[in-house]
Amino acid sequence: MTSKQRAYLRKLAATLEPIYQIGKSGITPELTEGVSEALEAREMVKINILKNCMDAPRDLAETLAGRTRSQVVQVIGRKIVLYKESKDHKKIVLPTRGGKE
């Protein structure tokens, strides 16, 4: 993913509301499965990390991205944004490398 594409996704993520929360139990298999399904349906999800979670947000983002085969768009404070292109529900069109969008 290019920096231009990442910037475009960050702009789209500004209006998203978090649909998942990570608490003291950390990343559970159920959370991973739910995020994976949400990524297929929406392509981009925002996740809130609760104060009772002691893990570093960046580490949680990298772990969750690896398990869901997605990409970390950004980590700001205690919020994570992940992106994964959908096979069946394509909604987000990323700017091309040479094109102007």
N, C-alpha and C. Protein backbone atom coordinates (compact mmCIF):
# COMPACT_ATOMS: atom_id res chain seq x y z
N MET A 1 0.85 -1.18 0.00
CA MET A 1 0.00 0.00 0.00
C MET A 1 0.89 1.24 0.00
N THR A 2 0.57 2.17 -0.88
CA THR A 2 1.36 3.39 -0.96
C THR A 2 0.94 4.38 0.13
N SER A 3 1.77 5.38 0.36
CA SER A 3 1.44 6.38 1.37
C SER A 3 0.22 7.20 0.94
N LYS A 4 0.06 7.38 -0.37
CA LYS A 4 -1.12 8.10 -0.89
C LYS A 4 -2.40 7.31 -0.60
N GLN A 5 -2.34 6.00 -0.79
CA GLN A 5 -3.50 5.15 -0.52
C GLN A 5 -3.81 5.13 0.98
N ARG A 6 -2.77 5.07 1.79
CA ARG A 6 -2.95 5.06 3.24
C ARG A 6 -3.58 6.38 3.70
N ALA A 7 -3.14 7.49 3.13
CA ALA A 7 -3.69 8.80 3.47
C ALA A 7 -5.16 8.88 3.09
N TYR A 8 -5.51 8.32 1.94
CA TYR A 8 -6.91 8.29 1.49
C TYR A 8 -7.77 7.49 2.48
N LEU A 9 -7.26 6.33 2.91
CA LEU A 9 -7.99 5.51 3.88
C LEU A 9 -8.12 6.21 5.23
N ARG A 10 -7.09 6.92 5.66
CA ARG A 10 -7.16 7.66 6.93
C ARG A 10 -8.25 8.72 6.86
N LYS A 11 -8.38 9.36 5.69
CA LYS A 11 -9.42 10.37 5.50
C LYS A 11 -10.81 9.74 5.62
N LEU A 12 -11.00 8.58 5.00
CA LEU A 12 -12.28 7.88 5.10
C LEU A 12 -12.55 7.41 6.53
N ALA A 13 -11.51 7.01 7.24
CA ALA A 13 -11.66 6.47 8.60
C ALA A 13 -12.08 7.53 9.60
N ALA A 14 -11.85 8.80 9.29
CA ALA A 14 -12.19 9.87 10.23
C ALA A 14 -13.67 9.89 10.57
N THR A 15 -14.51 9.44 9.65
CA THR A 15 -15.95 9.47 9.90
C THR A 15 -16.48 8.15 10.46
N LEU A 16 -15.65 7.13 10.54
CA LEU A 16 -16.09 5.82 11.04
C LEU A 16 -16.26 5.82 12.55
N GLU A 17 -17.23 5.07 13.01
CA GLU A 17 -17.41 4.83 14.45
C GLU A 17 -16.81 3.46 14.76
N PRO A 18 -16.19 3.31 15.94
CA PRO A 18 -15.67 1.99 16.31
C PRO A 18 -16.80 0.97 16.42
N ILE A 19 -16.59 -0.23 15.85
CA ILE A 19 -17.63 -1.26 15.94
C ILE A 19 -17.20 -2.41 16.85
N TYR A 20 -15.95 -2.41 17.28
CA TYR A 20 -15.45 -3.42 18.22
C TYR A 20 -14.64 -2.75 19.30
N GLN A 21 -14.56 -3.45 20.44
CA GLN A 21 -13.74 -2.98 21.55
C GLN A 21 -12.85 -4.12 22.02
N ILE A 22 -11.64 -3.76 22.40
CA ILE A 22 -10.72 -4.74 22.97
C ILE A 22 -10.55 -4.37 24.43
N GLY A 23 -10.87 -5.31 25.31
CA GLY A 23 -10.79 -5.08 26.74
C GLY A 23 -9.68 -5.87 27.39
N LYS A 24 -9.86 -6.20 28.67
CA LYS A 24 -8.81 -6.87 29.43
C LYS A 24 -8.51 -8.27 28.93
N SER A 25 -9.46 -8.91 28.24
CA SER A 25 -9.20 -10.26 27.72
C SER A 25 -8.37 -10.24 26.44
N GLY A 26 -8.12 -9.05 25.90
CA GLY A 26 -7.27 -8.93 24.71
C GLY A 26 -7.96 -9.43 23.45
N ILE A 27 -7.16 -9.99 22.55
CA ILE A 27 -7.68 -10.46 21.27
C ILE A 27 -8.10 -11.91 21.41
N THR A 28 -9.40 -12.13 21.42
CA THR A 28 -9.94 -13.49 21.54
C THR A 28 -10.23 -14.05 20.14
N PRO A 29 -10.37 -15.37 20.02
CA PRO A 29 -10.73 -15.94 18.72
C PRO A 29 -12.06 -15.39 18.19
N GLU A 30 -13.01 -15.13 19.09
CA GLU A 30 -14.30 -14.58 18.69
C GLU A 30 -14.15 -13.17 18.11
N LEU A 31 -13.30 -12.36 18.75
CA LEU A 31 -13.05 -11.01 18.27
C LEU A 31 -12.40 -11.07 16.88
N THR A 32 -11.42 -11.94 16.74
CA THR A 32 -10.72 -12.08 15.45
C THR A 32 -11.70 -12.48 14.35
N GLU A 33 -12.56 -13.43 14.65
CA GLU A 33 -13.54 -13.88 13.67
C GLU A 33 -14.52 -12.77 13.31
N GLY A 34 -14.98 -12.05 14.31
CA GLY A 34 -15.91 -10.94 14.08
C GLY A 34 -15.30 -9.82 13.24
N VAL A 35 -14.06 -9.47 13.55
CA VAL A 35 -13.37 -8.42 12.80
C VAL A 35 -13.15 -8.88 11.35
N SER A 36 -12.80 -10.14 11.18
CA SER A 36 -12.59 -10.68 9.84
C SER A 36 -13.87 -10.60 9.01
N GLU A 37 -15.00 -10.97 9.61
CA GLU A 37 -16.29 -10.89 8.92
C GLU A 37 -16.67 -9.44 8.62
N ALA A 38 -16.40 -8.55 9.56
CA ALA A 38 -16.70 -7.13 9.35
C ALA A 38 -15.84 -6.55 8.22
N LEU A 39 -14.59 -6.96 8.15
CA LEU A 39 -13.71 -6.49 7.08
C LEU A 39 -14.21 -6.96 5.72
N GLU A 40 -14.72 -8.17 5.64
CA GLU A 40 -15.25 -8.68 4.37
C GLU A 40 -16.48 -7.87 3.96
N ALA A 41 -17.31 -7.50 4.93
CA ALA A 41 -18.54 -6.77 4.63
C ALA A 41 -18.29 -5.27 4.39
N ARG A 42 -17.36 -4.68 5.14
CA ARG A 42 -17.17 -3.23 5.11
C ARG A 42 -15.86 -2.76 4.51
N GLU A 43 -14.85 -3.61 4.47
CA GLU A 43 -13.49 -3.34 4.00
C GLU A 43 -12.64 -2.55 4.99
N MET A 44 -13.25 -1.72 5.82
CA MET A 44 -12.47 -0.96 6.80
C MET A 44 -13.24 -0.93 8.11
N VAL A 45 -12.53 -1.18 9.21
CA VAL A 45 -13.16 -1.14 10.53
C VAL A 45 -12.30 -0.34 11.49
N LYS A 46 -12.98 0.29 12.44
CA LYS A 46 -12.30 1.01 13.51
C LYS A 46 -12.58 0.26 14.81
N ILE A 47 -11.54 0.09 15.61
CA ILE A 47 -11.64 -0.67 16.85
C ILE A 47 -11.15 0.20 18.00
N ASN A 48 -11.90 0.21 19.08
CA ASN A 48 -11.56 0.97 20.27
C ASN A 48 -10.88 0.06 21.29
N ILE A 49 -9.81 0.52 21.90
CA ILE A 49 -9.13 -0.25 22.95
C ILE A 49 -9.48 0.38 24.29
N LEU A 50 -10.09 -0.42 25.14
CA LEU A 50 -10.53 0.07 26.45
C LEU A 50 -9.34 0.29 27.38
N LYS A 51 -9.56 1.12 28.39
CA LYS A 51 -8.48 1.45 29.33
C LYS A 51 -8.02 0.26 30.16
N ASN A 52 -8.89 -0.76 30.33
CA ASN A 52 -8.48 -1.92 31.13
C ASN A 52 -7.63 -2.91 30.33
N CYS A 53 -7.36 -2.63 29.07
CA CYS A 53 -6.48 -3.46 28.25
C CYS A 53 -5.05 -2.94 28.43
N MET A 54 -4.17 -3.80 28.89
CA MET A 54 -2.80 -3.36 29.21
C MET A 54 -1.83 -3.50 28.03
N ASP A 55 -2.27 -4.10 26.92
CA ASP A 55 -1.39 -4.27 25.77
C ASP A 55 -1.25 -2.97 25.00
N ALA A 56 -0.12 -2.80 24.33
CA ALA A 56 0.13 -1.60 23.54
C ALA A 56 -0.75 -1.62 22.29
N PRO A 57 -1.39 -0.49 21.97
CA PRO A 57 -2.26 -0.43 20.80
C PRO A 57 -1.58 -0.86 19.50
N ARG A 58 -0.34 -0.46 19.29
CA ARG A 58 0.38 -0.82 18.06
C ARG A 58 0.56 -2.34 17.98
N ASP A 59 0.91 -2.98 19.11
CA ASP A 59 1.07 -4.44 19.13
C ASP A 59 -0.25 -5.14 18.83
N LEU A 60 -1.34 -4.65 19.43
CA LEU A 60 -2.66 -5.22 19.18
C LEU A 60 -3.03 -5.08 17.71
N ALA A 61 -2.75 -3.92 17.12
CA ALA A 61 -3.08 -3.68 15.72
C ALA A 61 -2.32 -4.65 14.81
N GLU A 62 -1.03 -4.82 15.06
CA GLU A 62 -0.21 -5.71 14.23
C GLU A 62 -0.68 -7.17 14.37
N THR A 63 -0.98 -7.58 15.60
CA THR A 63 -1.45 -8.95 15.83
C THR A 63 -2.78 -9.20 15.13
N LEU A 64 -3.71 -8.29 15.30
CA LEU A 64 -5.03 -8.43 14.69
C LEU A 64 -4.94 -8.38 13.15
N ALA A 65 -4.09 -7.52 12.63
CA ALA A 65 -3.91 -7.44 11.18
C ALA A 65 -3.34 -8.75 10.64
N GLY A 66 -2.40 -9.34 11.37
CA GLY A 66 -1.84 -10.62 10.95
C GLY A 66 -2.87 -11.74 10.96
N ARG A 67 -3.67 -11.77 11.99
CA ARG A 67 -4.68 -12.84 12.11
C ARG A 67 -5.83 -12.69 11.11
N THR A 68 -6.14 -11.46 10.71
CA THR A 68 -7.24 -11.24 9.77
C THR A 68 -6.74 -11.01 8.34
N ARG A 69 -5.43 -11.07 8.17
CA ARG A 69 -4.79 -10.81 6.86
C ARG A 69 -5.20 -9.45 6.29
N SER A 70 -5.20 -8.45 7.17
CA SER A 70 -5.55 -7.10 6.77
C SER A 70 -4.34 -6.19 6.95
N GLN A 71 -4.53 -4.90 6.70
CA GLN A 71 -3.45 -3.94 6.85
C GLN A 71 -3.85 -2.89 7.87
N VAL A 72 -2.86 -2.47 8.66
CA VAL A 72 -3.09 -1.40 9.63
C VAL A 72 -3.06 -0.08 8.88
N VAL A 73 -4.16 0.65 8.92
CA VAL A 73 -4.22 1.97 8.29
C VAL A 73 -3.62 2.99 9.23
N GLN A 74 -4.05 2.94 10.50
CA GLN A 74 -3.51 3.86 11.49
C GLN A 74 -3.81 3.39 12.90
N VAL A 75 -3.00 3.86 13.82
CA VAL A 75 -3.23 3.68 15.25
C VAL A 75 -3.10 5.06 15.86
N ILE A 76 -4.21 5.58 16.37
CA ILE A 76 -4.19 6.89 17.02
C ILE A 76 -4.71 6.72 18.44
N GLY A 77 -3.87 6.98 19.39
CA GLY A 77 -4.27 6.82 20.79
C GLY A 77 -4.69 5.39 21.05
N ARG A 78 -5.95 5.20 21.39
CA ARG A 78 -6.48 3.87 21.68
C ARG A 78 -7.48 3.41 20.61
N LYS A 79 -7.27 3.89 19.40
CA LYS A 79 -8.12 3.48 18.27
C LYS A 79 -7.26 2.88 17.17
N ILE A 80 -7.77 1.79 16.58
CA ILE A 80 -7.08 1.09 15.50
C ILE A 80 -7.99 1.11 14.28
N VAL A 81 -7.42 1.32 13.11
CA VAL A 81 -8.17 1.22 11.86
C VAL A 81 -7.49 0.17 10.99
N LEU A 82 -8.28 -0.83 10.56
CA LEU A 82 -7.78 -1.89 9.70
C LEU A 82 -8.50 -1.85 8.35
N TYR A 83 -7.78 -2.27 7.29
CA TYR A 83 -8.36 -2.32 5.95
C TYR A 83 -8.02 -3.65 5.30
N LYS A 84 -9.00 -4.20 4.61
CA LYS A 84 -8.79 -5.40 3.80
C LYS A 84 -9.76 -5.33 2.63
N GLU A 85 -9.23 -5.46 1.43
CA GLU A 85 -10.08 -5.42 0.25
C GLU A 85 -11.04 -6.60 0.27
N SER A 86 -12.30 -6.33 0.02
CA SER A 86 -13.34 -7.36 0.04
C SER A 86 -13.38 -8.10 -1.29
N LYS A 87 -13.64 -9.39 -1.23
CA LYS A 87 -13.79 -10.19 -2.45
C LYS A 87 -15.17 -9.97 -3.07
N ASP A 88 -16.20 -9.91 -2.22
CA ASP A 88 -17.58 -9.86 -2.70
C ASP A 88 -18.28 -8.52 -2.51
N HIS A 89 -17.79 -7.67 -1.62
CA HIS A 89 -18.48 -6.42 -1.29
C HIS A 89 -17.56 -5.21 -1.48
N LYS A 90 -16.95 -5.09 -2.64
CA LYS A 90 -15.99 -4.02 -2.90
C LYS A 90 -16.70 -2.67 -2.86
N LYS A 91 -16.25 -1.80 -1.95
CA LYS A 91 -16.84 -0.48 -1.79
C LYS A 91 -15.81 0.64 -1.95
N ILE A 92 -14.60 0.40 -1.46
CA ILE A 92 -13.57 1.44 -1.43
C ILE A 92 -12.67 1.29 -2.65
N VAL A 93 -12.54 2.35 -3.40
CA VAL A 93 -11.64 2.36 -4.56
C VAL A 93 -10.42 3.18 -4.17
N LEU A 94 -9.28 2.52 -4.07
CA LEU A 94 -8.04 3.20 -3.69
C LEU A 94 -7.48 3.97 -4.87
N PRO A 95 -6.83 5.11 -4.59
CA PRO A 95 -6.16 5.84 -5.67
C PRO A 95 -5.08 4.95 -6.28
N THR A 96 -4.94 5.01 -7.60
CA THR A 96 -3.92 4.21 -8.26
C THR A 96 -2.56 4.89 -8.08
N ARG A 97 -1.52 4.14 -8.36
CA ARG A 97 -0.16 4.66 -8.17
C ARG A 97 0.13 5.88 -9.03
N GLY A 98 -0.27 5.85 -10.30
CA GLY A 98 0.05 6.95 -11.18
C GLY A 98 -1.10 7.91 -11.42
N GLY A 99 -2.33 7.44 -11.14
CA GLY A 99 -3.51 8.23 -11.44
C GLY A 99 -3.80 9.30 -10.40
N LYS A 100 -4.65 10.23 -10.78
CA LYS A 100 -5.04 11.28 -9.85
C LYS A 100 -6.52 11.09 -9.49
N GLU A 101 -6.77 10.70 -8.24
CA GLU A 101 -8.14 10.53 -7.78
C GLU A 101 -8.34 11.29 -6.51
